[in-house]
Amino acid sequence: MLALAAGALAATGVIHFGGATITRVDTLPPVDKAPRLALGTPVRLAEAERILPMREDTINLLYLREGKPRAVLTVFREGSGILDKLVYTTTKLRRVRVNGAPGLYVPDVHVVDFLYGGGPRLSQPTLLWVKDNLTYRLEARDALALASGG
């Protein structure tokens, strides 16, 4: 169950949330779009790791609907500082609760950089939440609906 908390976060500055750091910027740097996944086509492990970088303390899960990618869920240890996000200063970040756990919703396209590989790329709207010393990151156009069971 997802419950929205009142208010938006400060319009400027840096926010540390679980294992993620979110920085507000006036202009996003030029980056590649997220790589396309060729589902159903066998790929070597190196290619899969390029698309969804892997690390011992991190897992990535791909959610499909009708055979097409709909969302990516990444789970990593809180405080591991392995994720940077750059958002526009005008982006209205929202505090939320996901099954009672504190969360943060980034409603717009932004830059995400997994510091362990893959390089920065554009990201769809993303929901972050922290529970039991783990940071969860759900990237999907409809992340809020997915988190609330939709």
Protein backbone atom coordinates (compact mmCIF):
# COMPACT_ATOMS: atom_id res chain seq x y z
CA MET A 1 0.00 0.00 0.00
CA LEU A 2 1.28 3.43 -0.92
CA ALA A 3 0.39 6.56 1.02
CA LEU A 4 1.47 10.02 -0.08
CA ALA A 5 2.87 12.25 2.65
CA ALA A 6 2.09 15.95 2.60
CA GLY A 7 4.47 18.44 1.09
CA ALA A 8 7.27 18.53 -1.41
CA LEU A 9 10.98 18.51 -0.66
CA ALA A 10 13.21 21.57 -0.74
CA ALA A 11 13.67 23.01 -4.22
CA THR A 12 17.47 23.16 -4.07
CA GLY A 13 20.37 21.16 -2.73
CA VAL A 14 21.43 17.59 -2.25
CA ILE A 15 19.28 14.86 -0.72
CA HIS A 16 20.72 11.63 0.69
CA PHE A 17 18.11 8.89 0.82
CA GLY A 18 19.11 5.34 1.68
CA GLY A 19 21.89 4.38 -0.73
CA ALA A 20 20.98 7.14 -3.19
CA THR A 21 22.12 10.74 -3.55
CA ILE A 22 19.84 13.15 -5.41
CA THR A 23 21.25 16.44 -6.65
CA ARG A 24 19.16 19.27 -8.09
CA VAL A 25 20.62 20.96 -11.19
CA ASP A 26 19.49 23.67 -13.60
CA THR A 27 20.48 21.61 -16.66
CA LEU A 28 20.84 17.87 -17.04
CA PRO A 29 24.11 16.76 -18.65
CA PRO A 30 23.94 15.10 -22.07
CA VAL A 31 23.69 11.31 -21.61
CA ASP A 32 22.61 8.28 -23.57
CA LYS A 33 19.04 7.07 -23.36
CA ALA A 34 18.49 3.84 -21.47
CA PRO A 35 19.62 0.90 -23.59
CA ARG A 36 16.88 -1.15 -25.21
CA LEU A 37 16.47 -4.73 -24.09
CA ALA A 38 16.10 -7.27 -26.90
CA LEU A 39 13.88 -9.69 -25.01
CA GLY A 40 13.87 -13.29 -26.20
CA THR A 41 17.27 -12.86 -27.83
CA PRO A 42 20.11 -14.67 -26.04
CA VAL A 43 22.90 -12.33 -24.94
CA ARG A 44 26.25 -12.85 -23.28
CA LEU A 45 26.57 -12.01 -19.59
CA ALA A 46 28.81 -9.02 -20.44
CA GLU A 47 26.00 -7.50 -22.56
CA ALA A 48 23.41 -8.08 -19.82
CA GLU A 49 25.74 -6.42 -17.28
CA ARG A 50 26.17 -3.44 -19.61
CA ILE A 51 22.40 -2.94 -19.72
CA LEU A 52 21.74 -3.70 -16.03
CA PRO A 53 25.06 -3.41 -14.15
CA MET A 54 25.53 -6.02 -11.44
CA ARG A 55 27.27 -6.05 -8.08
CA GLU A 56 27.39 -8.57 -5.21
CA ASP A 57 25.18 -6.50 -2.90
CA THR A 58 22.71 -5.42 -5.59
CA ILE A 59 19.99 -7.18 -7.54
CA ASN A 60 18.05 -6.00 -10.59
CA LEU A 61 14.67 -7.45 -11.53
CA LEU A 62 12.91 -6.77 -14.82
CA TYR A 63 9.10 -6.69 -14.74
CA LEU A 64 7.44 -7.63 -18.02
CA ARG A 65 3.89 -7.17 -19.22
CA GLU A 66 2.84 -8.85 -22.46
CA GLY A 67 6.51 -9.64 -23.13
CA LYS A 68 7.62 -5.99 -22.99
CA PRO A 69 9.72 -4.30 -20.28
CA ARG A 70 7.49 -2.33 -17.94
CA ALA A 71 9.68 -1.67 -14.90
CA VAL A 72 13.07 -2.30 -13.35
CA LEU A 73 13.37 -2.93 -9.62
CA THR A 74 16.84 -2.51 -8.11
CA VAL A 75 17.54 -3.48 -4.50
CA PHE A 76 20.76 -2.59 -2.67
CA ARG A 77 22.06 -2.09 0.85
CA GLU A 78 21.14 1.21 2.46
CA GLY A 79 24.07 3.56 2.89
CA SER A 80 26.16 1.88 0.21
CA GLY A 81 26.16 5.15 -1.78
CA ILE A 82 26.04 3.45 -5.15
CA LEU A 83 23.41 5.53 -6.90
CA ASP A 84 23.45 9.18 -7.99
CA LYS A 85 20.46 10.98 -9.48
CA LEU A 86 20.42 14.39 -11.12
CA VAL A 87 17.04 16.11 -11.28
CA TYR A 88 15.95 19.52 -12.50
CA THR A 89 15.58 22.16 -9.79
CA THR A 90 11.92 22.39 -10.91
CA THR A 91 11.24 18.67 -10.33
CA LYS A 92 8.69 18.25 -7.56
CA LEU A 93 10.07 15.38 -5.49
CA ARG A 94 7.41 13.88 -3.22
CA ARG A 95 7.71 12.07 0.08
CA VAL A 96 5.64 8.88 0.05
CA ARG A 97 5.19 5.74 2.15
CA VAL A 98 5.38 2.26 0.64
CA ASN A 99 3.83 -0.35 2.95
CA GLY A 100 4.69 1.94 5.85
CA ALA A 101 8.31 2.49 4.76
CA PRO A 102 9.62 6.00 3.93
CA GLY A 103 9.87 6.71 0.23
CA LEU A 104 10.71 9.39 -2.28
CA TYR A 105 9.10 9.76 -5.72
CA VAL A 106 10.91 11.38 -8.67
CA PRO A 107 8.05 12.06 -11.12
CA ASP A 108 10.05 13.22 -14.14
CA VAL A 109 12.72 11.90 -16.47
CA HIS A 110 16.13 12.45 -14.86
CA VAL A 111 19.73 11.20 -14.97
CA VAL A 112 20.70 8.09 -13.02
CA ASP A 113 24.25 6.86 -12.50
CA PHE A 114 25.02 3.53 -10.85
CA LEU A 115 28.48 4.24 -9.51
CA TYR A 116 29.60 0.65 -10.05
CA GLY A 117 29.28 0.67 -13.84
CA GLY A 118 27.14 1.32 -16.85
CA GLY A 119 27.63 5.09 -16.92
CA PRO A 120 24.96 7.78 -16.53
CA ARG A 121 21.72 7.44 -18.50
CA LEU A 122 18.24 8.87 -18.66
CA SER A 123 15.75 7.30 -16.27
CA GLN A 124 11.97 7.13 -16.26
CA PRO A 125 10.08 8.32 -13.18
CA THR A 126 11.37 6.46 -10.14
CA LEU A 127 10.15 5.50 -6.71
CA LEU A 128 12.75 4.99 -3.97
CA TRP A 129 12.00 3.51 -0.56
CA VAL A 130 13.99 2.13 2.36
CA LYS A 131 13.08 -0.88 4.46
CA ASP A 132 15.17 -3.22 6.65
CA ASN A 133 18.47 -1.54 5.65
CA LEU A 134 17.73 -2.02 1.95
CA THR A 135 17.09 0.70 -0.62
CA TYR A 136 14.51 -0.19 -3.29
CA ARG A 137 14.42 1.63 -6.62
CA LEU A 138 11.45 1.11 -8.96
CA GLU A 139 11.86 2.71 -12.38
CA ALA A 140 8.69 2.87 -14.47
CA ARG A 141 6.41 5.43 -16.04
CA ASP A 142 3.74 4.26 -13.59
CA ALA A 143 5.96 3.51 -10.57
CA LEU A 144 3.44 4.82 -8.03
CA ALA A 145 0.62 2.67 -9.43
CA LEU A 146 2.87 -0.42 -9.52
CA ALA A 147 3.94 0.09 -5.90
CA SER A 148 0.32 0.34 -4.82
CA GLY A 149 -0.57 -2.91 -6.58
CA GLY A 150 -1.69 -1.49 -9.94
